[in-house]
N, C-alpha and C. Protein backbone atom coordinates (compact mmCIF):
# COMPACT_ATOMS: atom_id res chain seq x y z
N MET A 1 103.60 108.17 76.46
CA MET A 1 103.40 107.03 76.39
C MET A 1 102.13 106.31 77.21
N SER A 2 101.63 105.40 76.74
CA SER A 2 100.29 104.80 77.37
C SER A 2 100.52 103.64 77.96
N GLU A 3 99.87 103.78 79.21
CA GLU A 3 100.01 102.53 80.18
C GLU A 3 99.23 101.56 80.10
N SER A 4 99.60 100.33 79.84
CA SER A 4 98.74 99.04 79.78
C SER A 4 97.99 98.95 81.01
N THR A 5 96.76 98.18 80.70
CA THR A 5 95.96 97.74 81.76
C THR A 5 96.86 96.74 82.83
N PRO A 6 96.76 96.66 83.98
CA PRO A 6 97.55 95.98 84.88
C PRO A 6 97.22 94.31 84.78
N GLU A 7 97.85 93.45 84.94
CA GLU A 7 97.31 91.93 84.45
C GLU A 7 96.52 91.67 86.17
N LYS A 8 95.66 90.81 85.71
CA LYS A 8 95.17 90.28 87.20
C LYS A 8 96.27 89.41 87.89
N PRO A 9 96.30 89.73 89.21
CA PRO A 9 97.21 88.91 90.16
C PRO A 9 97.24 87.53 90.08
N TRP A 10 96.15 86.76 89.89
CA TRP A 10 96.07 85.42 89.78
C TRP A 10 96.46 84.76 88.44
N ALA A 11 96.28 85.91 87.43
CA ALA A 11 97.11 85.22 85.89
C ALA A 11 98.58 85.47 86.17
N ILE A 12 99.36 86.24 86.96
CA ILE A 12 100.30 86.45 86.96
C ILE A 12 101.00 85.30 87.87
N LEU A 13 100.13 85.05 88.73
CA LEU A 13 100.89 83.87 89.84
C LEU A 13 100.48 82.50 89.04
N GLY A 14 99.58 82.44 87.73
CA GLY A 14 99.51 81.23 87.01
C GLY A 14 98.41 80.34 87.87
N ILE A 15 97.62 80.92 88.62
CA ILE A 15 96.48 80.26 89.21
C ILE A 15 95.34 80.66 88.96
N THR A 16 93.82 79.94 89.10
CA THR A 16 92.78 80.56 89.05
C THR A 16 92.36 81.72 89.81
N ARG A 17 91.29 82.13 89.54
CA ARG A 17 90.99 83.32 90.31
C ARG A 17 90.17 82.54 91.77
N GLU A 18 89.52 81.54 91.50
CA GLU A 18 89.11 80.97 93.03
C GLU A 18 90.30 80.38 93.83
N HIS A 19 91.14 79.85 93.43
CA HIS A 19 92.27 79.31 94.01
C HIS A 19 93.07 80.81 94.75
N TYR A 20 93.01 81.72 93.89
CA TYR A 20 93.68 83.15 94.55
C TYR A 20 92.99 83.64 95.70
N PHE A 21 91.64 83.80 95.54
CA PHE A 21 90.70 84.02 96.72
C PHE A 21 90.93 83.10 97.65
N ALA A 22 90.91 81.81 97.52
CA ALA A 22 90.92 80.80 98.54
C ALA A 22 92.15 80.65 99.53
N THR A 23 93.22 81.22 98.91
CA THR A 23 94.27 81.02 99.59
C THR A 23 94.74 82.62 100.19
N LYS A 24 94.27 83.68 99.69
CA LYS A 24 94.21 85.09 100.35
C LYS A 24 95.51 85.26 100.43
N PRO A 25 96.96 85.26 99.25
CA PRO A 25 98.08 85.67 99.52
C PRO A 25 98.34 87.29 100.21
N TRP A 26 97.58 87.95 99.88
CA TRP A 26 97.59 89.43 100.61
C TRP A 26 97.45 89.19 102.08
N LYS A 27 96.79 88.19 102.80
CA LYS A 27 96.68 88.24 104.13
C LYS A 27 98.07 87.65 104.68
N LYS A 28 98.44 86.54 103.98
CA LYS A 28 99.90 85.94 104.32
C LYS A 28 100.90 86.92 104.02
N ALA A 29 100.92 87.87 103.27
CA ALA A 29 101.90 88.88 102.91
C ALA A 29 101.63 90.14 103.71
N GLY A 30 100.22 90.14 104.65
CA GLY A 30 100.12 91.54 105.53
C GLY A 30 99.77 92.66 104.99
N VAL A 31 99.57 92.43 103.57
CA VAL A 31 99.21 93.61 102.65
C VAL A 31 97.65 93.60 102.33
N SER A 32 97.18 94.98 101.66
CA SER A 32 95.83 94.82 101.18
C SER A 32 95.87 93.81 99.76
N LYS A 33 94.56 93.73 99.38
CA LYS A 33 94.57 93.27 97.96
C LYS A 33 95.11 93.91 97.13
N GLU A 34 94.87 95.09 96.92
CA GLU A 34 95.26 96.63 96.06
C GLU A 34 96.83 96.26 95.82
N LYS A 35 97.31 96.27 97.09
CA LYS A 35 98.90 96.42 97.27
C LYS A 35 99.64 95.14 96.76
N ILE A 36 98.97 93.75 97.30
CA ILE A 36 99.54 92.53 96.32
C ILE A 36 99.68 92.67 94.77
N ALA A 37 98.57 93.34 94.19
CA ALA A 37 98.13 93.34 92.84
C ALA A 37 99.22 94.16 92.11
N GLU A 38 99.78 95.25 93.01
CA GLU A 38 100.50 96.38 92.53
C GLU A 38 101.85 95.89 92.68
N ILE A 39 102.06 95.05 93.70
CA ILE A 39 103.46 94.33 93.53
C ILE A 39 103.75 93.43 92.71
N LEU A 40 102.62 92.52 92.38
CA LEU A 40 102.68 91.46 91.49
C LEU A 40 102.77 92.25 90.09
N ASN A 41 102.43 93.17 89.68
CA ASN A 41 102.56 93.83 88.57
C ASN A 41 103.76 94.43 88.02
N LEU A 42 104.45 94.63 89.44
CA LEU A 42 105.92 95.32 89.24
C LEU A 42 106.97 94.12 89.14
N ILE A 43 106.85 92.87 89.02
CA ILE A 43 107.79 92.01 89.18
C ILE A 43 107.55 91.53 87.48
N PRO A 44 108.85 91.67 86.92
CA PRO A 44 108.96 91.25 85.50
C PRO A 44 108.53 90.06 85.45
N HIS A 45 108.16 89.75 84.21
CA HIS A 45 107.71 88.44 83.91
C HIS A 45 108.64 87.24 83.90
N GLU A 46 109.74 87.49 83.40
CA GLU A 46 110.81 86.55 83.33
C GLU A 46 111.23 86.26 84.92
N ALA A 47 111.22 87.25 85.80
CA ALA A 47 111.53 86.79 87.21
C ALA A 47 110.29 86.06 87.66
N MET A 48 109.15 86.37 87.37
CA MET A 48 108.29 85.49 87.92
C MET A 48 108.15 84.16 87.63
N GLN A 49 108.56 84.10 86.30
CA GLN A 49 108.66 82.55 85.84
C GLN A 49 109.75 82.00 86.09
N ILE A 50 111.02 82.44 86.67
CA ILE A 50 112.06 81.81 87.58
C ILE A 50 111.37 81.15 88.64
N LEU A 51 110.99 82.30 89.39
CA LEU A 51 110.29 81.87 90.87
C LEU A 51 109.28 80.73 90.52
N LYS A 52 108.30 80.51 89.77
CA LYS A 52 107.55 79.73 89.42
C LYS A 52 108.24 78.41 89.41
N ASP A 53 109.17 78.37 88.16
CA ASP A 53 109.85 77.16 88.34
C ASP A 53 110.69 76.48 89.39
N GLU A 54 111.33 77.44 90.12
CA GLU A 54 111.86 77.04 91.32
C GLU A 54 110.87 76.08 92.29
N ALA A 55 109.82 77.11 92.53
CA ALA A 55 108.76 76.37 93.41
C ALA A 55 108.30 75.07 92.71
N ASP A 56 108.14 75.15 91.58
CA ASP A 56 107.69 73.86 90.89
C ASP A 56 108.79 72.72 91.11
N ALA A 57 110.11 73.06 90.95
CA ALA A 57 111.12 72.19 91.18
C ALA A 57 111.48 71.60 92.78
N GLU A 58 111.10 72.61 93.71
CA GLU A 58 110.95 72.09 95.08
C GLU A 58 109.72 71.20 95.56
N ARG A 59 108.64 71.51 95.06
CA ARG A 59 107.46 70.60 95.18
C ARG A 59 107.94 69.22 94.76
N LEU A 60 108.51 69.17 93.30
CA LEU A 60 108.82 67.80 92.63
C LEU A 60 109.86 67.25 93.52
N VAL A 61 110.82 67.79 94.19
CA VAL A 61 111.80 67.24 94.79
C VAL A 61 111.24 66.68 96.12
N GLU A 62 110.46 67.48 96.82
CA GLU A 62 109.36 67.08 97.86
C GLU A 62 108.72 65.86 97.80
N SER A 63 108.03 65.64 96.46
CA SER A 63 107.09 64.61 96.32
C SER A 63 108.10 63.24 96.20
N ILE A 64 109.17 63.48 95.78
CA ILE A 64 110.12 62.18 95.62
C ILE A 64 110.62 61.99 96.52
N PHE A 65 111.39 62.88 97.57
CA PHE A 65 112.11 62.42 98.49
C PHE A 65 111.43 62.80 99.99
N GLY A 66 110.44 63.50 99.92
CA GLY A 66 109.58 63.99 101.30
C GLY A 66 110.28 65.31 101.49
N SER A 67 109.48 65.83 102.63
CA SER A 67 109.83 67.12 103.03
C SER A 67 111.27 67.06 104.04
N PRO A 68 112.04 67.82 103.88
CA PRO A 68 113.16 67.82 105.11
C PRO A 68 112.73 67.92 106.23
N GLY A 69 113.36 67.24 106.92
CA GLY A 69 112.89 67.13 108.32
C GLY A 69 113.98 67.56 109.35
């Protein structure tokens, strides 16, 4: 069985490369850039899409009603 090339972490997150390096998600997670890329490549695409949809919904609700206080 041949392994496919891992997807770039910013592509998995659905953001630009510039945004990925500007936000430094590996620092927020407390791991290396390589480790965060490895973790992101382990998450099934369907699960990542669900997480993205939930985050989008939360941002939409906050923009309509404001952040909870």
